[in-house]
């Protein structure tokens, strides 16, 4: 693997640390092997076994060999490549937290590596799937209502990649995943707004919908958020705000079903039955929201 050279000061520190620590580590490891009966293999053999296992799709075995290589030969000739391979092996072995930790370690130990973009990308990928669950890697499941959690960290990792390595082969995919994360987070805000609407917490619903419009203004969720905002303003008796929101909706989404042929806002029920006394006495035949002029 071709690597960029570390700055002289860092390289000197690393070589000095290697000379000091290598004998100590070797003695400790040999003592450990003697007590357990395990044989310490040559560095190259660990690496070749790991590569062979990965080529065969046996990522559990690959992970074990790479971890042994890191343990027994932390400053060896295969150290940097083994750290990279470990990220991938753990990811393929469905150990997403472990893959993220391995990527963190690689970036900490090799900040100037020409493969730093890959490590940063894989760190983001691990976080990206961590909150979606492993099933989302293989099945088209609904995820808008999930807590974003690690999605924020994934977005930050992808953002760093795009900013620091604009020419990287991973940048285009990172950009697409950033868009997907923003769409998902906007969808989560809509899900929360709908939750509050069902409980007639109109101010809370309004605030969630407004967050979509203000913070995720380039996502598909904006159209529905404007409808929610207009209806919430109407229910709160804020006529001017309702009219202003309806005008924005009409200008940007003239075909929205919440608008009549003249572009006027049609009051929305959101599938919720009116709980007023008048509705109860008239069996729901009266008392529902009406279109306002």
Protein backbone atom coordinates (compact mmCIF):
# COMPACT_ATOMS: atom_id res chain seq x y z
CA UNK A 1 0.00 0.00 0.00
CA UNK A 2 1.37 3.40 -0.95
CA UNK A 3 1.43 5.78 1.98
CA UNK A 4 2.24 9.42 2.47
CA UNK A 5 5.19 10.04 4.76
CA UNK A 6 4.45 11.43 8.19
CA UNK A 7 6.01 14.79 9.12
CA UNK A 8 9.57 14.31 10.39
CA UNK A 9 8.69 15.14 13.99
CA UNK A 10 5.85 12.61 14.09
CA UNK A 11 7.93 9.94 12.33
CA UNK A 12 10.76 10.40 14.82
CA UNK A 13 8.39 10.11 17.77
CA UNK A 14 6.86 6.95 16.33
CA UNK A 15 10.25 5.31 15.67
CA UNK A 16 11.45 6.24 19.16
CA UNK A 17 8.30 4.85 20.73
CA UNK A 18 8.73 1.69 18.67
CA UNK A 19 12.31 1.17 19.87
CA UNK A 20 11.29 1.69 23.51
CA UNK A 21 8.02 -0.25 23.52
CA UNK A 22 8.77 -3.10 21.13
CA UNK A 23 10.98 -5.13 23.53
CA UNK A 24 8.53 -4.61 26.39
CA UNK A 25 5.53 -5.63 24.28
CA UNK A 26 7.35 -8.62 22.89
CA UNK A 27 8.23 -9.86 26.38
CA UNK A 28 4.65 -9.39 27.60
CA UNK A 29 3.16 -11.11 24.59
CA UNK A 30 5.53 -14.06 24.76
CA UNK A 31 4.69 -14.47 28.43
CA UNK A 32 1.01 -14.39 27.62
CA UNK A 33 1.38 -16.96 24.85
CA UNK A 34 3.39 -19.23 27.11
CA UNK A 35 0.62 -19.16 29.73
CA UNK A 36 -2.18 -19.88 27.23
CA UNK A 37 -0.30 -22.27 24.95
CA UNK A 38 -1.09 -20.13 21.89
CA UNK A 39 1.55 -19.77 19.24
CA UNK A 40 2.50 -16.32 17.98
CA UNK A 41 2.66 -16.41 14.21
CA UNK A 42 4.99 -14.32 12.03
CA UNK A 43 3.58 -10.93 11.07
CA UNK A 44 3.28 -11.79 7.40
CA UNK A 45 1.39 -15.01 8.16
CA UNK A 46 -1.27 -13.17 10.19
CA UNK A 47 -1.71 -10.74 7.35
CA UNK A 48 -1.89 -13.37 4.62
CA UNK A 49 -4.43 -15.37 6.62
CA UNK A 50 -6.52 -12.26 7.13
CA UNK A 51 -6.47 -11.40 3.42
CA UNK A 52 -7.29 -14.97 2.45
CA UNK A 53 -10.23 -15.01 4.87
CA UNK A 54 -11.58 -11.72 3.53
CA UNK A 55 -11.33 -12.96 -0.06
CA UNK A 56 -13.30 -16.03 1.00
CA UNK A 57 -15.93 -13.92 2.77
CA UNK A 58 -14.97 -15.24 6.20
CA UNK A 59 -14.87 -11.88 7.96
CA UNK A 60 -14.92 -13.37 11.47
CA UNK A 61 -11.61 -15.13 10.81
CA UNK A 62 -10.23 -12.06 9.06
CA UNK A 63 -11.12 -9.90 12.04
CA UNK A 64 -9.40 -12.28 14.46
CA UNK A 65 -6.19 -12.37 12.42
CA UNK A 66 -6.12 -8.60 11.97
CA UNK A 67 -6.67 -8.02 15.67
CA UNK A 68 -3.85 -10.45 16.45
CA UNK A 69 -1.61 -8.64 13.97
CA UNK A 70 -2.34 -5.32 15.65
CA UNK A 71 -1.70 -6.81 19.09
CA UNK A 72 1.55 -8.59 18.35
CA UNK A 73 3.03 -6.26 15.71
CA UNK A 74 1.64 -2.73 16.40
CA UNK A 75 4.58 -1.10 14.58
CA UNK A 76 5.08 -3.73 11.91
CA UNK A 77 5.21 -3.32 8.14
CA UNK A 78 1.52 -4.26 7.79
CA UNK A 79 0.26 -2.12 10.67
CA UNK A 80 -1.45 0.65 8.68
CA UNK A 81 -2.97 -1.69 6.10
CA UNK A 82 -4.17 -4.03 8.85
CA UNK A 83 -5.92 -1.12 10.56
CA UNK A 84 -7.70 -0.29 7.30
CA UNK A 85 -8.68 -3.89 6.67
CA UNK A 86 -10.00 -4.21 10.22
CA UNK A 87 -12.48 -1.39 9.58
CA UNK A 88 -13.87 -3.26 6.60
CA UNK A 89 -13.80 -6.69 8.27
CA UNK A 90 -15.74 -5.47 11.30
CA UNK A 91 -18.24 -3.69 9.10
CA UNK A 92 -18.83 -6.80 7.01
CA UNK A 93 -19.04 -8.82 10.21
CA UNK A 94 -21.96 -6.52 11.24
CA UNK A 95 -19.94 -5.03 14.11
CA UNK A 96 -20.83 -1.42 13.31
CA UNK A 97 -19.65 0.04 16.61
CA UNK A 98 -16.39 -1.86 16.22
CA UNK A 99 -15.98 -0.58 12.67
CA UNK A 100 -16.48 2.98 13.85
CA UNK A 101 -13.95 2.49 16.66
CA UNK A 102 -11.42 1.03 14.20
CA UNK A 103 -11.92 4.00 11.87
CA UNK A 104 -11.46 6.40 14.80
CA UNK A 105 -8.23 4.66 15.74
CA UNK A 106 -6.90 4.72 12.18
CA UNK A 107 -7.55 8.46 11.84
CA UNK A 108 -5.93 9.13 15.19
CA UNK A 109 -2.81 7.12 14.39
CA UNK A 110 -2.54 8.05 10.70
CA UNK A 111 -3.83 11.60 10.31
CA UNK A 112 -1.75 12.20 7.18
CA UNK A 113 -2.51 8.89 5.49
CA UNK A 114 -3.61 8.96 1.87
CA UNK A 115 -6.35 6.57 2.99
CA UNK A 116 -7.80 8.93 5.59
CA UNK A 117 -10.72 9.69 3.27
CA UNK A 118 -11.67 6.00 3.24
CA UNK A 119 -11.51 5.77 7.04
CA UNK A 120 -13.63 8.90 7.40
CA UNK A 121 -16.15 7.56 4.89
CA UNK A 122 -16.38 4.19 6.66
CA UNK A 123 -16.79 5.91 10.02
CA UNK A 124 -19.76 7.77 8.58
CA UNK A 125 -21.18 4.62 6.98
CA UNK A 126 -21.01 2.73 10.28
CA UNK A 127 -22.93 5.51 12.05
CA UNK A 128 -25.34 5.82 9.13
CA UNK A 129 -26.49 2.23 9.51
CA UNK A 130 -26.20 2.03 13.29
CA UNK A 131 -29.47 3.86 13.95
CA UNK A 132 -31.32 2.45 10.96
CA UNK A 133 -30.74 -1.10 12.10
CA UNK A 134 -29.11 -3.86 10.09
CA UNK A 135 -32.37 -4.74 8.32
CA UNK A 136 -32.29 -1.38 6.52
CA UNK A 137 -29.13 -2.51 4.71
CA UNK A 138 -31.11 -5.22 2.95
CA UNK A 139 -34.82 -4.32 3.07
CA UNK A 140 -36.75 -1.12 2.12
CA UNK A 141 -38.20 -0.28 5.53
CA UNK A 142 -39.86 2.93 6.74
CA UNK A 143 -37.40 4.92 8.85
CA UNK A 144 -38.83 8.45 9.06
CA UNK A 145 -40.24 7.94 12.54
CA UNK A 146 -36.96 6.71 14.06
CA UNK A 147 -34.87 8.79 16.41
CA UNK A 148 -32.00 10.14 14.25
CA UNK A 149 -29.35 9.50 16.96
CA UNK A 150 -26.16 8.50 15.19
CA UNK A 151 -27.44 10.04 11.95
CA UNK A 152 -26.15 13.41 13.18
CA UNK A 153 -22.69 11.91 13.66
CA UNK A 154 -22.84 10.30 10.22
CA UNK A 155 -23.82 13.63 8.69
CA UNK A 156 -20.84 15.29 10.40
CA UNK A 157 -18.43 12.61 9.13
CA UNK A 158 -19.73 12.90 5.57
CA UNK A 159 -19.59 16.70 5.80
CA UNK A 160 -15.92 16.52 6.85
CA UNK A 161 -15.20 14.16 3.96
CA UNK A 162 -16.82 16.47 1.40
CA UNK A 163 -15.00 19.49 2.82
CA UNK A 164 -11.53 17.99 3.28
CA UNK A 165 -11.45 15.58 0.34
CA UNK A 166 -13.61 17.05 -2.44
CA UNK A 167 -11.86 14.90 -5.07
CA UNK A 168 -12.17 11.63 -3.17
CA UNK A 169 -13.90 8.73 -4.88
CA UNK A 170 -16.18 8.49 -1.82
CA UNK A 171 -17.32 12.13 -1.86
CA UNK A 172 -20.19 11.73 -4.33
CA UNK A 173 -21.76 8.95 -2.29
CA UNK A 174 -21.23 10.93 0.92
CA UNK A 175 -23.13 13.87 -0.58
CA UNK A 176 -26.07 11.62 -1.48
CA UNK A 177 -26.14 10.17 2.01
CA UNK A 178 -26.14 13.68 3.50
CA UNK A 179 -29.25 14.44 1.43
CA UNK A 180 -30.85 11.20 2.63
CA UNK A 181 -30.07 12.06 6.25
CA UNK A 182 -31.62 15.52 5.93
CA UNK A 183 -34.73 14.02 4.32
CA UNK A 184 -34.98 11.45 7.07
CA UNK A 185 -34.58 14.04 9.83
CA UNK A 186 -37.25 16.22 8.21
CA UNK A 187 -39.51 13.18 8.05
CA UNK A 188 -38.91 12.56 11.73
CA UNK A 189 -40.03 16.11 12.50
CA UNK A 190 -43.20 15.52 10.46
CA UNK A 191 -43.88 12.30 12.34
CA UNK A 192 -43.60 14.21 15.61
CA UNK A 193 -45.94 16.93 14.31
CA UNK A 194 -48.52 14.33 13.36
CA UNK A 195 -48.18 12.74 16.79
CA UNK A 196 -48.98 16.08 18.44
CA UNK A 197 -51.88 16.76 16.09
CA UNK A 198 -53.58 13.52 17.15
CA UNK A 199 -53.30 14.70 20.75
CA UNK A 200 -54.55 18.18 19.87
CA UNK A 201 -51.25 19.73 20.99
CA UNK A 202 -51.41 22.29 18.20
CA UNK A 203 -48.60 24.60 19.30
CA UNK A 204 -46.19 21.66 19.58
CA UNK A 205 -47.29 20.41 16.15
CA UNK A 206 -46.85 23.89 14.69
CA UNK A 207 -43.33 24.17 16.09
CA UNK A 208 -42.29 20.83 14.61
CA UNK A 209 -43.68 21.72 11.18
CA UNK A 210 -41.99 25.10 11.31
CA UNK A 211 -38.67 23.40 12.08
CA UNK A 212 -39.00 21.48 8.80
CA UNK A 213 -39.62 24.67 6.82
CA UNK A 214 -36.84 26.64 8.49
CA UNK A 215 -34.10 24.01 8.92
CA UNK A 216 -34.83 21.48 6.17
CA UNK A 217 -36.14 23.81 3.49
CA UNK A 218 -34.86 21.76 0.55
CA UNK A 219 -36.47 18.49 1.55
CA UNK A 220 -39.69 16.94 0.20
CA UNK A 221 -41.21 17.22 3.70
CA UNK A 222 -41.61 21.00 3.34
CA UNK A 223 -44.85 20.72 1.33
CA UNK A 224 -46.66 18.73 4.02
CA UNK A 225 -45.14 20.90 6.74
CA UNK A 226 -46.71 23.99 5.17
CA UNK A 227 -50.11 22.30 5.15
CA UNK A 228 -49.74 21.44 8.83
CA UNK A 229 -48.64 24.98 9.66
CA UNK A 230 -51.61 26.53 7.85
CA UNK A 231 -54.07 24.25 9.63
CA UNK A 232 -52.44 24.76 13.03
CA UNK A 233 -52.56 28.54 12.61
CA UNK A 234 -56.26 28.21 11.73
CA UNK A 235 -56.97 26.13 14.81
CA UNK A 236 -55.10 28.60 16.99
CA UNK A 237 -57.13 31.50 15.56
CA UNK A 238 -54.12 33.17 13.89
CA UNK A 239 -55.79 34.23 10.65
CA UNK A 240 -52.97 36.37 9.19
CA UNK A 241 -50.36 33.68 9.79
CA UNK A 242 -52.67 31.11 8.20
CA UNK A 243 -53.12 33.30 5.12
CA UNK A 244 -49.40 33.97 4.80
CA UNK A 245 -48.58 30.26 5.06
CA UNK A 246 -51.32 29.34 2.58
CA UNK A 247 -49.90 31.88 0.13
CA UNK A 248 -46.43 30.33 0.38
CA UNK A 249 -47.99 26.90 -0.15
CA UNK A 250 -49.91 28.10 -3.22
CA UNK A 251 -46.85 29.79 -4.74
CA UNK A 252 -44.58 26.78 -4.33
CA UNK A 253 -46.98 23.85 -4.53
CA UNK A 254 -50.03 25.04 -6.53
CA UNK A 255 -51.29 21.47 -7.12
CA UNK A 256 -51.41 20.54 -3.44
CA UNK A 257 -54.80 18.96 -2.59
CA UNK A 258 -55.13 21.27 0.42
CA UNK A 259 -55.80 24.12 -2.06
CA UNK A 260 -59.02 24.65 -4.01
CA UNK A 261 -59.17 25.65 -7.69
CA UNK A 262 -58.70 29.30 -6.70
CA UNK A 263 -55.63 28.54 -4.60
CA UNK A 264 -57.44 29.01 -1.29
CA UNK A 265 -56.56 26.82 1.67
CA UNK A 266 -59.02 24.04 2.55
CA UNK A 267 -59.25 23.23 6.23
CA UNK A 268 -57.78 19.84 7.11
CA UNK A 269 -59.03 17.20 9.56
CA UNK A 270 -55.93 14.94 9.41
CA UNK A 271 -58.30 12.02 10.00
CA UNK A 272 -59.18 13.21 13.50
CA UNK A 273 -62.85 13.23 14.49
CA UNK A 274 -64.16 16.37 16.15
CA UNK A 275 -64.46 15.85 19.91
CA UNK A 276 -66.58 18.92 20.58
CA UNK A 277 -69.92 18.65 22.40
CA UNK A 278 -71.74 19.78 19.24
CA UNK A 279 -70.16 16.90 17.32
CA UNK A 280 -71.20 14.38 19.96
CA UNK A 281 -74.83 15.63 20.02
CA UNK A 282 -75.11 15.61 16.21
CA UNK A 283 -73.30 12.25 15.77
CA UNK A 284 -70.45 14.00 13.97
CA UNK A 285 -72.69 15.46 11.25
CA UNK A 286 -71.84 19.00 12.31
CA UNK A 287 -68.99 20.81 13.99
CA UNK A 288 -66.08 19.74 11.75
CA UNK A 289 -63.54 22.23 10.41
CA UNK A 290 -64.81 24.30 7.50
CA UNK A 291 -63.15 26.15 4.70
CA UNK A 292 -62.30 29.71 5.68
CA UNK A 293 -62.38 32.72 3.39
